[in-house]
PDB file of N, CA and C in Angstrom:
ATOM      1  N   UNK A   1      88.809 105.275  60.194  1.00  0.00           N
ATOM      2  CA  UNK A   1      89.287 106.324  61.078  1.00  0.00           C
ATOM      3  C   UNK A   1      90.807 106.329  61.089  1.00  0.00           C
ATOM      4  N   UNK A   2      91.348 107.486  61.336  1.00  0.00           N
ATOM      5  CA  UNK A   2      92.789 107.653  61.385  1.00  0.00           C
ATOM      6  C   UNK A   2      93.227 107.681  62.841  1.00  0.00           C
ATOM      7  N   UNK A   3      94.248 106.898  63.147  1.00  0.00           N
ATOM      8  CA  UNK A   3      94.784 106.878  64.505  1.00  0.00           C
ATOM      9  C   UNK A   3      95.696 108.076  64.717  1.00  0.00           C
ATOM     10  N   UNK A   4      95.805 108.554  65.970  1.00  0.00           N
ATOM     11  CA  UNK A   4      96.723 109.673  66.216  1.00  0.00           C
ATOM     12  C   UNK A   4      98.166 109.234  66.013  1.00  0.00           C
ATOM     13  N   UNK A   5      99.014 110.197  65.719  1.00  0.00           N
ATOM     14  CA  UNK A   5     100.431 109.927  65.523  1.00  0.00           C
ATOM     15  C   UNK A   5     101.051 109.429  66.834  1.00  0.00           C
ATOM     16  N   UNK A   6     102.044 108.567  66.705  1.00  0.00           N
ATOM     17  CA  UNK A   6     102.764 108.072  67.869  1.00  0.00           C
ATOM     18  C   UNK A   6     103.590 109.223  68.444  1.00  0.00           C
ATOM     19  N   UNK A   7     103.520 109.377  69.763  1.00  0.00           N
ATOM     20  CA  UNK A   7     104.259 110.452  70.430  1.00  0.00           C
ATOM     21  C   UNK A   7     105.749 110.133  70.407  1.00  0.00           C
ATOM     22  N   UNK A   8     106.543 111.036  69.840  1.00  0.00           N
ATOM     23  CA  UNK A   8     107.986 110.817  69.752  1.00  0.00           C
ATOM     24  C   UNK A   8     108.744 111.490  70.880  1.00  0.00           C
ATOM     25  N   UNK A   9     108.144 112.434  71.552  1.00  0.00           N
ATOM     26  CA  UNK A   9     108.778 113.113  72.684  1.00  0.00           C
ATOM     27  C   UNK A   9     108.780 112.148  73.878  1.00  0.00           C
ATOM     28  N   UNK A  10     109.974 111.754  74.337  1.00  0.00           N
ATOM     29  CA  UNK A  10     110.079 110.728  75.371  1.00  0.00           C
ATOM     30  C   UNK A  10     109.475 111.163  76.698  1.00  0.00           C
ATOM     31  N   UNK A  11     109.593 112.425  77.050  1.00  0.00           N
ATOM     32  CA  UNK A  11     109.049 112.905  78.318  1.00  0.00           C
ATOM     33  C   UNK A  11     107.530 112.817  78.320  1.00  0.00           C
ATOM     34  N   UNK A  12     106.914 113.250  77.244  1.00  0.00           N
ATOM     35  CA  UNK A  12     105.460 113.190  77.131  1.00  0.00           C
ATOM     36  C   UNK A  12     104.994 111.741  77.134  1.00  0.00           C
ATOM     37  N   UNK A  13     105.709 110.894  76.424  1.00  0.00           N
ATOM     38  CA  UNK A  13     105.355 109.476  76.364  1.00  0.00           C
ATOM     39  C   UNK A  13     105.473 108.820  77.738  1.00  0.00           C
ATOM     40  N   UNK A  14     106.555 109.091  78.473  1.00  0.00           N
ATOM     41  CA  UNK A  14     106.743 108.514  79.804  1.00  0.00           C
ATOM     42  C   UNK A  14     105.663 108.989  80.772  1.00  0.00           C
ATOM     43  N   UNK A  15     105.291 110.269  80.674  1.00  0.00           N
ATOM     44  CA  UNK A  15     104.236 110.813  81.529  1.00  0.00           C
ATOM     45  C   UNK A  15     102.898 110.145  81.221  1.00  0.00           C
ATOM     46  N   UNK A  16     102.579 110.000  79.956  1.00  0.00           N
ATOM     47  CA  UNK A  16     101.322 109.353  79.557  1.00  0.00           C
ATOM     48  C   UNK A  16     101.302 107.895  79.998  1.00  0.00           C
ATOM     49  N   UNK A  17     102.449 107.211  79.919  1.00  0.00           N
ATOM     50  CA  UNK A  17     102.534 105.819  80.349  1.00  0.00           C
ATOM     51  C   UNK A  17     102.308 105.705  81.849  1.00  0.00           C
ATOM     52  N   UNK A  18     102.887 106.620  82.628  1.00  0.00           N
ATOM     53  CA  UNK A  18     102.693 106.605  84.081  1.00  0.00           C
ATOM     54  C   UNK A  18     101.222 106.823  84.433  1.00  0.00           C
ATOM     55  N   UNK A  19     100.575 107.763  83.769  1.00  0.00           N
ATOM     56  CA  UNK A  19      99.148 108.008  84.002  1.00  0.00           C
ATOM     57  C   UNK A  19      98.320 106.775  83.635  1.00  0.00           C
ATOM     58  N   UNK A  20      98.671 106.135  82.537  1.00  0.00           N
ATOM     59  CA  UNK A  20      97.970 104.935  82.104  1.00  0.00           C
ATOM     60  C   UNK A  20      98.131 103.810  83.131  1.00  0.00           C
ATOM     61  N   UNK A  21      99.336 103.629  83.649  1.00  0.00           N
ATOM     62  CA  UNK A  21      99.574 102.590  84.653  1.00  0.00           C
ATOM     63  C   UNK A  21      98.789 102.863  85.930  1.00  0.00           C
ATOM     64  N   UNK A  22      98.723 104.121  86.349  1.00  0.00           N
ATOM     65  CA  UNK A  22      97.935 104.463  87.535  1.00  0.00           C
ATOM     66  C   UNK A  22      96.461 104.162  87.321  1.00  0.00           C
ATOM     67  N   UNK A  23      95.962 104.467  86.135  1.00  0.00           N
ATOM     68  CA  UNK A  23      94.562 104.176  85.823  1.00  0.00           C
ATOM     69  C   UNK A  23      94.308 102.673  85.743  1.00  0.00           C
ATOM     70  N   UNK A  24      95.232 101.951  85.139  1.00  0.00           N
ATOM     71  CA  UNK A  24      95.039 100.528  84.903  1.00  0.00           C
ATOM     72  C   UNK A  24      95.168  99.694  86.174  1.00  0.00           C
ATOM     73  N   UNK A  25      96.193  99.962  86.989  1.00  0.00           N
ATOM     74  CA  UNK A  25      96.479  99.110  88.137  1.00  0.00           C
ATOM     75  C   UNK A  25      95.997  99.673  89.471  1.00  0.00           C
ATOM     76  N   UNK A  26      95.762 100.936  89.555  1.00  0.00           N
ATOM     77  CA  UNK A  26      95.370 101.523  90.841  1.00  0.00           C
ATOM     78  C   UNK A  26      96.578 101.785  91.710  1.00  0.00           C
ATOM     79  N   UNK A  27      97.326 100.748  92.020  1.00  0.00           N
ATOM     80  CA  UNK A  27      98.578 100.858  92.766  1.00  0.00           C
ATOM     81  C   UNK A  27      99.683 100.352  91.848  1.00  0.00           C
ATOM     82  N   UNK A  28     100.617 101.225  91.510  1.00  0.00           N
ATOM     83  CA  UNK A  28     101.700 100.883  90.590  1.00  0.00           C
ATOM     84  C   UNK A  28     102.916 100.457  91.399  1.00  0.00           C
ATOM     85  N   UNK A  29     103.458  99.295  91.049  1.00  0.00           N
ATOM     86  CA  UNK A  29     104.649  98.753  91.712  1.00  0.00           C
ATOM     87  C   UNK A  29     105.666  98.358  90.652  1.00  0.00           C
ATOM     88  N   UNK A  30     106.812  97.929  91.119  1.00  0.00           N
ATOM     89  CA  UNK A  30     107.850  97.446  90.201  1.00  0.00           C
ATOM     90  C   UNK A  30     107.316  96.293  89.351  1.00  0.00           C
ATOM     91  N   UNK A  31     106.563  95.400  89.969  1.00  0.00           N
ATOM     92  CA  UNK A  31     106.023  94.249  89.249  1.00  0.00           C
ATOM     93  C   UNK A  31     105.039  94.622  88.162  1.00  0.00           C
ATOM     94  N   UNK A  32     104.182  95.593  88.451  1.00  0.00           N
ATOM     95  CA  UNK A  32     103.197  95.980  87.435  1.00  0.00           C
ATOM     96  C   UNK A  32     103.868  96.681  86.264  1.00  0.00           C
ATOM     97  N   UNK A  33     104.898  97.475  86.519  1.00  0.00           N
ATOM     98  CA  UNK A  33     105.626  98.127  85.419  1.00  0.00           C
ATOM     99  C   UNK A  33     106.384  97.081  84.612  1.00  0.00           C
ATOM    100  N   UNK A  34     106.982  96.117  85.329  1.00  0.00           N
ATOM    101  CA  UNK A  34     107.722  95.059  84.639  1.00  0.00           C
ATOM    102  C   UNK A  34     106.836  94.197  83.762  1.00  0.00           C
ATOM    103  N   UNK A  35     105.613  93.949  84.209  1.00  0.00           N
ATOM    104  CA  UNK A  35     104.708  93.105  83.421  1.00  0.00           C
ATOM    105  C   UNK A  35     104.247  93.803  82.146  1.00  0.00           C
ATOM    106  N   UNK A  36     104.295  95.121  82.127  1.00  0.00           N
ATOM    107  CA  UNK A  36     103.892  95.881  80.935  1.00  0.00           C
ATOM    108  C   UNK A  36     105.005  95.956  79.897  1.00  0.00           C
ATOM    109  N   UNK A  37     106.252  95.764  80.333  1.00  0.00           N
ATOM    110  CA  UNK A  37     107.370  95.868  79.401  1.00  0.00           C
ATOM    111  C   UNK A  37     107.556  97.271  78.865  1.00  0.00           C
ATOM    112  N   UNK A  38     107.359  98.274  79.719  1.00  0.00           N
ATOM    113  CA  UNK A  38     107.462  99.669  79.272  1.00  0.00           C
ATOM    114  C   UNK A  38     108.915 100.049  78.985  1.00  0.00           C
ATOM    115  N   UNK A  39     109.142 100.866  77.964  1.00  0.00           N
ATOM    116  CA  UNK A  39     110.500 101.333  77.668  1.00  0.00           C
ATOM    117  C   UNK A  39     111.064 102.109  78.853  1.00  0.00           C
ATOM    118  N   UNK A  40     112.283 101.818  79.221  1.00  0.00           N
ATOM    119  CA  UNK A  40     112.916 102.485  80.355  1.00  0.00           C
ATOM    120  C   UNK A  40     112.694 101.748  81.661  1.00  0.00           C
ATOM    121  N   UNK A  41     111.740 100.831  81.681  1.00  0.00           N
ATOM    122  CA  UNK A  41     111.488 100.009  82.860  1.00  0.00           C
ATOM    123  C   UNK A  41     111.049 100.803  84.072  1.00  0.00           C
ATOM    124  N   UNK A  42     111.213 100.186  85.226  1.00  0.00           N
ATOM    125  CA  UNK A  42     110.760 100.807  86.461  1.00  0.00           C
ATOM    126  C   UNK A  42     111.603 102.026  86.822  1.00  0.00           C
ATOM    127  N   UNK A  43     112.874 102.032  86.449  1.00  0.00           N
ATOM    128  CA  UNK A  43     113.731 103.175  86.760  1.00  0.00           C
ATOM    129  C   UNK A  43     113.188 104.474  86.198  1.00  0.00           C
ATOM    130  N   UNK A  44     112.788 104.456  84.952  1.00  0.00           N
ATOM    131  CA  UNK A  44     112.227 105.652  84.321  1.00  0.00           C
ATOM    132  C   UNK A  44     110.867 105.985  84.914  1.00  0.00           C
ATOM    133  N   UNK A  45     110.018 104.969  85.067  1.00  0.00           N
ATOM    134  CA  UNK A  45     108.683 105.222  85.602  1.00  0.00           C
ATOM    135  C   UNK A  45     108.737 105.722  87.042  1.00  0.00           C
ATOM    136  N   UNK A  46     109.708 105.254  87.814  1.00  0.00           N
ATOM    137  CA  UNK A  46     109.854 105.730  89.192  1.00  0.00           C
ATOM    138  C   UNK A  46     110.102 107.239  89.207  1.00  0.00           C
ATOM    139  N   UNK A  47     110.983 107.697  88.317  1.00  0.00           N
ATOM    140  CA  UNK A  47     111.271 109.134  88.244  1.00  0.00           C
ATOM    141  C   UNK A  47     110.023 109.929  87.864  1.00  0.00           C
ATOM    142  N   UNK A  48     109.273 109.414  86.898  1.00  0.00           N
ATOM    143  CA  UNK A  48     108.062 110.112  86.448  1.00  0.00           C
ATOM    144  C   UNK A  48     107.015 110.102  87.556  1.00  0.00           C
ATOM    145  N   UNK A  49     106.829 108.951  88.210  1.00  0.00           N
ATOM    146  CA  UNK A  49     105.845 108.858  89.288  1.00  0.00           C
ATOM    147  C   UNK A  49     106.233 109.739  90.474  1.00  0.00           C
ATOM    148  N   UNK A  50     107.524 109.817  90.774  1.00  0.00           N
ATOM    149  CA  UNK A  50     107.980 110.703  91.853  1.00  0.00           C
ATOM    150  C   UNK A  50     107.683 112.163  91.512  1.00  0.00           C
ATOM    151  N   UNK A  51     107.829 112.517  90.246  1.00  0.00           N
ATOM    152  CA  UNK A  51     107.507 113.873  89.801  1.00  0.00           C
ATOM    153  C   UNK A  51     106.003 114.142  89.900  1.00  0.00           C
ATOM    154  N   UNK A  52     105.210 113.134  89.537  1.00  0.00           N
ATOM    155  CA  UNK A  52     103.758 113.264  89.677  1.00  0.00           C
ATOM    156  C   UNK A  52     103.372 113.429  91.145  1.00  0.00           C
ATOM    157  N   UNK A  53     104.105 112.771  92.022  1.00  0.00           N
ATOM    158  CA  UNK A  53     103.840 112.933  93.455  1.00  0.00           C
ATOM    159  C   UNK A  53     104.136 114.371  93.896  1.00  0.00           C
ATOM    160  N   UNK A  54     105.229 114.919  93.421  1.00  0.00           N
ATOM    161  CA  UNK A  54     105.577 116.304  93.750  1.00  0.00           C
ATOM    162  C   UNK A  54     104.501 117.278  93.270  1.00  0.00           C
ATOM    163  N   UNK A  55     103.865 116.937  92.148  1.00  0.00           N
ATOM    164  CA  UNK A  55     102.802 117.787  91.594  1.00  0.00           C
ATOM    165  C   UNK A  55     101.464 117.540  92.278  1.00  0.00           C
ATOM    166  N   UNK A  56     101.387 116.521  93.144  1.00  0.00           N
ATOM    167  CA  UNK A  56     100.146 116.216  93.840  1.00  0.00           C
ATOM    168  C   UNK A  56      99.192 115.333  93.049  1.00  0.00           C
ATOM    169  N   UNK A  57      99.668 114.751  91.952  1.00  0.00           N
ATOM    170  CA  UNK A  57      98.817 113.907  91.098  1.00  0.00           C
ATOM    171  C   UNK A  57      98.730 112.473  91.597  1.00  0.00           C
ATOM    172  N   UNK A  58      99.713 112.021  92.397  1.00  0.00           N
ATOM    173  CA  UNK A  58      99.668 110.672  92.958  1.00  0.00           C
ATOM    174  C   UNK A  58     100.373 110.688  94.316  1.00  0.00           C
ATOM    175  N   UNK A  59     100.289 109.565  95.019  1.00  0.00           N
ATOM    176  CA  UNK A  59     100.927 109.440  96.336  1.00  0.00           C
ATOM    177  C   UNK A  59     101.848 108.234  96.333  1.00  0.00           C
ATOM    178  N   UNK A  60     102.934 108.363  97.092  1.00  0.00           N
ATOM    179  CA  UNK A  60     103.867 107.266  97.262  1.00  0.00           C
ATOM    180  C   UNK A  60     103.685 106.725  98.670  1.00  0.00           C
ATOM    181  N   UNK A  61     103.670 105.412  98.825  1.00  0.00           N
ATOM    182  CA  UNK A  61     103.514 104.834 100.150  1.00  0.00           C
ATOM    183  C   UNK A  61     103.587 103.325 100.103  1.00  0.00           C
ATOM    184  N   UNK A  62     103.308 102.720 101.250  1.00  0.00           N
ATOM    185  CA  UNK A  62     103.276 101.262 101.378  1.00  0.00           C
ATOM    186  C   UNK A  62     101.820 100.898 101.585  1.00  0.00           C
ATOM    187  N   UNK A  63     101.079 100.778 100.485  1.00  0.00           N
ATOM    188  CA  UNK A  63      99.634 100.608 100.534  1.00  0.00           C
ATOM    189  C   UNK A  63      99.212  99.157 100.678  1.00  0.00           C
ATOM    190  N   UNK A  64      99.894  98.258  99.967  1.00  0.00           N
ATOM    191  CA  UNK A  64      99.528  96.848  99.965  1.00  0.00           C
ATOM    192  C   UNK A  64     100.738  96.034 100.398  1.00  0.00           C
ATOM    193  N   UNK A  65     100.535  95.242 101.436  1.00  0.00           N
ATOM    194  CA  UNK A  65     101.606  94.436 102.000  1.00  0.00           C
ATOM    195  C   UNK A  65     102.158  93.446 100.969  1.00  0.00           C
ATOM    196  N   UNK A  66     103.454  93.221 101.006  1.00  0.00           N
ATOM    197  CA  UNK A  66     104.173  92.264 100.165  1.00  0.00           C
ATOM    198  C   UNK A  66     104.327  92.695  98.709  1.00  0.00           C
ATOM    199  N   UNK A  67     103.995  93.925  98.369  1.00  0.00           N
ATOM    200  CA  UNK A  67     104.195  94.393  96.993  1.00  0.00           C
ATOM    201  C   UNK A  67     105.442  95.248  96.848  1.00  0.00           C
ATOM    202  N   UNK A  68     106.225  95.395  97.897  1.00  0.00           N
ATOM    203  CA  UNK A  68     107.432  96.203  97.837  1.00  0.00           C
ATOM    204  C   UNK A  68     107.189  97.602  98.376  1.00  0.00           C
ATOM    205  N   UNK A  69     108.278  98.289  98.625  1.00  0.00           N
ATOM    206  CA  UNK A  69     108.180  99.601  99.267  1.00  0.00           C
ATOM    207  C   UNK A  69     107.830 100.719  98.299  1.00  0.00           C
ATOM    208  N   UNK A  70     108.175 100.567  97.045  1.00  0.00           N
ATOM    209  CA  UNK A  70     107.908 101.627  96.067  1.00  0.00           C
ATOM    210  C   UNK A  70     106.546 101.404  95.431  1.00  0.00           C
ATOM    211  N   UNK A  71     105.520 102.008  96.024  1.00  0.00           N
ATOM    212  CA  UNK A  71     104.165 101.897  95.511  1.00  0.00           C
ATOM    213  C   UNK A  71     103.607 103.305  95.296  1.00  0.00           C
ATOM    214  N   UNK A  72     102.926 103.485  94.175  1.00  0.00           N
ATOM    215  CA  UNK A  72     102.325 104.772  93.841  1.00  0.00           C
ATOM    216  C   UNK A  72     100.858 104.553  93.525  1.00  0.00           C
ATOM    217  N   UNK A  73     100.019 105.498  93.951  1.00  0.00           N
ATOM    218  CA  UNK A  73      98.587 105.420  93.667  1.00  0.00           C
ATOM    219  C   UNK A  73      98.013 106.830  93.645  1.00  0.00           C
ATOM    220  N   UNK A  74      96.907 106.979  92.919  1.00  0.00           N
ATOM    221  CA  UNK A  74      96.215 108.270  92.919  1.00  0.00           C
ATOM    222  C   UNK A  74      95.477 108.407  94.251  1.00  0.00           C
ATOM    223  N   UNK A  75      95.215 109.639  94.700  1.00  0.00           N
ATOM    224  CA  UNK A  75      94.551 109.836  95.996  1.00  0.00           C
ATOM    225  C   UNK A  75      93.216 109.097  96.129  1.00  0.00           C
ATOM    226  N   UNK A  76      92.442 108.994  95.054  1.00  0.00           N
ATOM    227  CA  UNK A  76      91.156 108.296  95.130  1.00  0.00           C
ATOM    228  C   UNK A  76      91.354 106.811  95.450  1.00  0.00           C
ATOM    229  N   UNK A  77      92.393 106.209  94.908  1.00  0.00           N
ATOM    230  CA  UNK A  77      92.679 104.801  95.189  1.00  0.00           C
ATOM    231  C   UNK A  77      93.089 104.622  96.640  1.00  0.00           C
ATOM    232  N   UNK A  78      93.911 105.537  97.148  1.00  0.00           N
ATOM    233  CA  UNK A  78      94.334 105.466  98.549  1.00  0.00           C
ATOM    234  C   UNK A  78      93.127 105.584  99.474  1.00  0.00           C
ATOM    235  N   UNK A  79      92.236 106.508  99.175  1.00  0.00           N
ATOM    236  CA  UNK A  79      91.024 106.667  99.990  1.00  0.00           C
ATOM    237  C   UNK A  79      90.167 105.404  99.941  1.00  0.00           C
ATOM    238  N   UNK A  80      90.073 104.804  98.764  1.00  0.00           N
ATOM    239  CA  UNK A  80      89.281 103.581  98.614  1.00  0.00           C
ATOM    240  C   UNK A  80      89.891 102.437  99.432  1.00  0.00           C
ATOM    241  N   UNK A  81      91.211 102.299  99.384  1.00  0.00           N
ATOM    242  CA  UNK A  81      91.873 101.263 100.173  1.00  0.00           C
ATOM    243  C   UNK A  81      91.665 101.492 101.669  1.00  0.00           C
ATOM    244  N   UNK A  82      91.735 102.735 102.082  1.00  0.00           N
ATOM    245  CA  UNK A  82      91.510 103.047 103.505  1.00  0.00           C
ATOM    246  C   UNK A  82      90.079 102.729 103.924  1.00  0.00           C
ATOM    247  N   UNK A  83      89.126 102.911 103.017  1.00  0.00           N
ATOM    248  CA  UNK A  83      87.738 102.607 103.368  1.00  0.00           C
ATOM    249  C   UNK A  83      87.556 101.116 103.625  1.00  0.00           C
ATOM    250  N   UNK A  84      88.294 100.264 102.911  1.00  0.00           N
ATOM    251  CA  UNK A  84      88.210  98.830 103.162  1.00  0.00           C
ATOM    252  C   UNK A  84      88.750  98.502 104.545  1.00  0.00           C
ATOM    253  N   UNK A  85      89.819  99.179 104.949  1.00  0.00           N
ATOM    254  CA  UNK A  85      90.367  98.961 106.286  1.00  0.00           C
ATOM    255  C   UNK A  85      89.389  99.403 107.364  1.00  0.00           C
ATOM    256  N   UNK A  86      88.705 100.523 107.130  1.00  0.00           N
ATOM    257  CA  UNK A  86      87.719 101.014 108.101  1.00  0.00           C
ATOM    258  C   UNK A  86      86.534 100.065 108.183  1.00  0.00           C
ATOM    259  N   UNK A  87      86.102  99.527 107.033  1.00  0.00           N
ATOM    260  CA  UNK A  87      84.998  98.567 107.028  1.00  0.00           C
ATOM    261  C   UNK A  87      85.368  97.309 107.802  1.00  0.00           C
ATOM    262  N   UNK A  88      86.600  96.851 107.634  1.00  0.00           N
ATOM    263  CA  UNK A  88      87.034  95.643 108.330  1.00  0.00           C
ATOM    264  C   UNK A  88      87.080  95.879 109.841  1.00  0.00           C
ATOM    265  N   UNK A  89      87.473  97.081 110.253  1.00  0.00           N
ATOM    266  CA  UNK A  89      87.511  97.382 111.685  1.00  0.00           C
ATOM    267  C   UNK A  89      86.105  97.380 112.271  1.00  0.00           C
ATOM    268  N   UNK A  90      85.130  97.866 111.517  1.00  0.00           N
ATOM    269  CA  UNK A  90      83.750  97.911 112.002  1.00  0.00           C
ATOM    270  C   UNK A  90      83.138  96.515 112.060  1.00  0.00           C
ATOM    271  N   UNK A  91      83.564  95.611 111.164  1.00  0.00           N
ATOM    272  CA  UNK A  91      83.005  94.270 111.114  1.00  0.00           C
ATOM    273  C   UNK A  91      83.654  93.314 112.095  1.00  0.00           C
ATOM    274  N   UNK A  92      84.663  93.757 112.810  1.00  0.00           N
ATOM    275  CA  UNK A  92      85.393  92.877 113.718  1.00  0.00           C
ATOM    276  C   UNK A  92      84.481  92.364 114.829  1.00  0.00           C
ATOM    277  N   UNK A  93      84.625  91.094 115.119  1.00  0.00           N
ATOM    278  CA  UNK A  93      83.832  90.470 116.169  1.00  0.00           C
ATOM    279  C   UNK A  93      84.480  90.736 117.529  1.00  0.00           C
ATOM    280  N   UNK A  94      83.697  90.750 118.603  1.00  0.00           N
ATOM    281  CA  UNK A  94      84.275  90.945 119.935  1.00  0.00           C
ATOM    282  C   UNK A  94      85.317  89.869 120.238  1.00  0.00           C
ATOM    283  N   UNK A  95      86.475  90.307 120.724  1.00  0.00           N
ATOM    284  CA  UNK A  95      87.553  89.385 121.060  1.00  0.00           C
ATOM    285  C   UNK A  95      88.419  88.981 119.885  1.00  0.00           C
ATOM    286  N   UNK A  96      88.081  89.443 118.679  1.00  0.00           N
ATOM    287  CA  UNK A  96      88.857  89.092 117.485  1.00  0.00           C
ATOM    288  C   UNK A  96      90.140  89.908 117.456  1.00  0.00           C
ATOM    289  N   UNK A  97      91.205  89.308 116.964  1.00  0.00           N
ATOM    290  CA  UNK A  97      92.505  89.968 116.862  1.00  0.00           C
ATOM    291  C   UNK A  97      92.389  91.182 115.927  1.00  0.00           C
ATOM    292  N   UNK A  98      92.747  92.401 116.388  1.00  0.00           N
ATOM    293  CA  UNK A  98      92.598  93.590 115.530  1.00  0.00           C
ATOM    294  C   UNK A  98      93.548  93.619 114.343  1.00  0.00           C
ATOM    295  N   UNK A  99      94.607  92.783 114.347  1.00  0.00           N
ATOM    296  CA  UNK A  99      95.530  92.781 113.223  1.00  0.00           C
ATOM    297  C   UNK A  99      95.023  91.922 112.074  1.00  0.00           C
ATOM    298  N   UNK A 100      93.980  91.117 112.317  1.00  0.00           N
ATOM    299  CA  UNK A 100      93.422  90.270 111.269  1.00  0.00           C
ATOM    300  C   UNK A 100      92.380  91.075 110.500  1.00  0.00           C
ATOM    301  N   UNK A 101      92.578  91.193 109.212  1.00  0.00           N
ATOM    302  CA  UNK A 101      91.626  91.907 108.368  1.00  0.00           C
ATOM    303  C   UNK A 101      91.012  90.895 107.410  1.00  0.00           C
ATOM    304  N   UNK A 102      89.715  90.734 107.495  1.00  0.00           N
ATOM    305  CA  UNK A 102      89.010  89.827 106.592  1.00  0.00           C
ATOM    306  C   UNK A 102      88.676  90.586 105.318  1.00  0.00           C
ATOM    307  N   UNK A 103      88.747  89.894 104.216  1.00  0.00           N
ATOM    308  CA  UNK A 103      88.444  90.527 102.944  1.00  0.00           C
ATOM    309  C   UNK A 103      87.521  89.639 102.134  1.00  0.00           C
ATOM    310  N   UNK A 104      86.570  90.252 101.458  1.00  0.00           N
ATOM    311  CA  UNK A 104      85.642  89.490 100.630  1.00  0.00           C
ATOM    312  C   UNK A 104      85.660  89.990  99.191  1.00  0.00           C
ATOM    313  N   UNK A 105      86.821  90.434  98.742  1.00  0.00           N
ATOM    314  CA  UNK A 105      86.948  90.960  97.388  1.00  0.00           C
ATOM    315  C   UNK A 105      87.524  89.863  96.500  1.00  0.00           C
ATOM    316  N   UNK A 106      86.911  89.618  95.367  1.00  0.00           N
ATOM    317  CA  UNK A 106      87.391  88.608  94.426  1.00  0.00           C
ATOM    318  C   UNK A 106      87.610  89.263  93.069  1.00  0.00           C
ATOM    319  N   UNK A 107      88.717  88.912  92.432  1.00  0.00           N
ATOM    320  CA  UNK A 107      89.019  89.413  91.097  1.00  0.00           C
ATOM    321  C   UNK A 107      89.179  88.230  90.158  1.00  0.00           C
ATOM    322  N   UNK A 108      88.702  88.378  88.954  1.00  0.00           N
ATOM    323  CA  UNK A 108      88.885  87.338  87.948  1.00  0.00           C
ATOM    324  C   UNK A 108      90.363  87.236  87.586  1.00  0.00           C
ATOM    325  N   UNK A 109      90.804  86.049  87.215  1.00  0.00           N
ATOM    326  CA  UNK A 109      92.208  85.840  86.849  1.00  0.00           C
ATOM    327  C   UNK A 109      92.600  86.680  85.640  1.00  0.00           C
ATOM    328  N   UNK A 110      91.646  87.014  84.797  1.00  0.00           N
ATOM    329  CA  UNK A 110      91.940  87.795  83.595  1.00  0.00           C
ATOM    330  C   UNK A 110      91.788  89.296  83.805  1.00  0.00           C
ATOM    331  N   UNK A 111      91.379  89.722  84.994  1.00  0.00           N
ATOM    332  CA  UNK A 111      91.190  91.144  85.284  1.00  0.00           C
ATOM    333  C   UNK A 111      92.556  91.829  85.360  1.00  0.00           C
ATOM    334  N   UNK A 112      92.772  92.936  84.640  1.00  0.00           N
ATOM    335  CA  UNK A 112      94.062  93.634  84.694  1.00  0.00           C
ATOM    336  C   UNK A 112      94.414  94.147  86.094  1.00  0.00           C
ATOM    337  N   UNK A 113      93.407  94.315  86.954  1.00  0.00           N
ATOM    338  CA  UNK A 113      93.675  94.782  88.309  1.00  0.00           C
ATOM    339  C   UNK A 113      94.165  93.654  89.212  1.00  0.00           C
ATOM    340  N   UNK A 114      94.104  92.415  88.761  1.00  0.00           N
ATOM    341  CA  UNK A 114      94.558  91.284  89.552  1.00  0.00           C
ATOM    342  C   UNK A 114      96.084  91.252  89.534  1.00  0.00           C
ATOM    343  N   UNK A 115      96.734  91.412  90.701  1.00  0.00           N
ATOM    344  CA  UNK A 115      98.195  91.487  90.720  1.00  0.00           C
ATOM    345  C   UNK A 115      98.889  90.136  90.598  1.00  0.00           C
ATOM    346  N   UNK A 116      98.157  89.031  90.767  1.00  0.00           N
ATOM    347  CA  UNK A 116      98.794  87.719  90.708  1.00  0.00           C
ATOM    348  C   UNK A 116      99.322  87.422  89.308  1.00  0.00           C
ATOM    349  N   UNK A 117     100.540  86.979  89.273  1.00  0.00           N
ATOM    350  CA  UNK A 117     101.195  86.703  88.009  1.00  0.00           C
ATOM    351  C   UNK A 117     102.040  87.860  87.534  1.00  0.00           C
ATOM    352  N   UNK A 118     101.654  89.083  87.872  1.00  0.00           N
ATOM    353  CA  UNK A 118     102.432  90.267  87.481  1.00  0.00           C
ATOM    354  C   UNK A 118     103.250  90.779  88.654  1.00  0.00           C
ATOM    355  N   UNK A 119     102.572  91.153  89.722  1.00  0.00           N
ATOM    356  CA  UNK A 119     103.255  91.727  90.882  1.00  0.00           C
ATOM    357  C   UNK A 119     103.437  90.707  92.002  1.00  0.00           C
ATOM    358  N   UNK A 120     102.589  89.692  92.062  1.00  0.00           N
ATOM    359  CA  UNK A 120     102.648  88.678  93.113  1.00  0.00           C
ATOM    360  C   UNK A 120     102.746  87.299  92.475  1.00  0.00           C
ATOM    361  N   UNK A 121     103.377  86.394  93.201  1.00  0.00           N
ATOM    362  CA  UNK A 121     103.407  85.010  92.745  1.00  0.00           C
ATOM    363  C   UNK A 121     102.030  84.393  92.918  1.00  0.00           C
ATOM    364  N   UNK A 122     101.701  83.426  92.089  1.00  0.00           N
ATOM    365  CA  UNK A 122     100.413  82.747  92.210  1.00  0.00           C
ATOM    366  C   UNK A 122     100.359  82.026  93.535  1.00  0.00           C
ATOM    367  N   UNK A 123      99.198  82.027  94.199  1.00  0.00           N
ATOM    368  CA  UNK A 123      99.116  81.351  95.513  1.00  0.00           C
ATOM    369  C   UNK A 123      99.237  79.847  95.371  1.00  0.00           C
TER     370      UNK A 123
END
């Protein structure tokens, strides 16, 4: 089989890279872009992601604590993260501190969605 030609147009390439990062990581941060070693680094990707936000393709916010203020995610990822918060509120025991959120999600160390080592320091 023949592979497609490498995209030489930098704008198209940067846009495709931003879409790929959103698909791969769910929540894109400075750390996740840095771990990929993308051309132009986070500065270029920030501009592209901000443009995608203006187009309604992704959202900018503070979705995950300790990952920095510049976080981007597609709306489906944001909704999914919010559902975990709603589930935790429903599972709260009487008298339990409402700021404590219990989580039972585990990711393999080799899973690309695992932020440890890329966006977060190892525990």
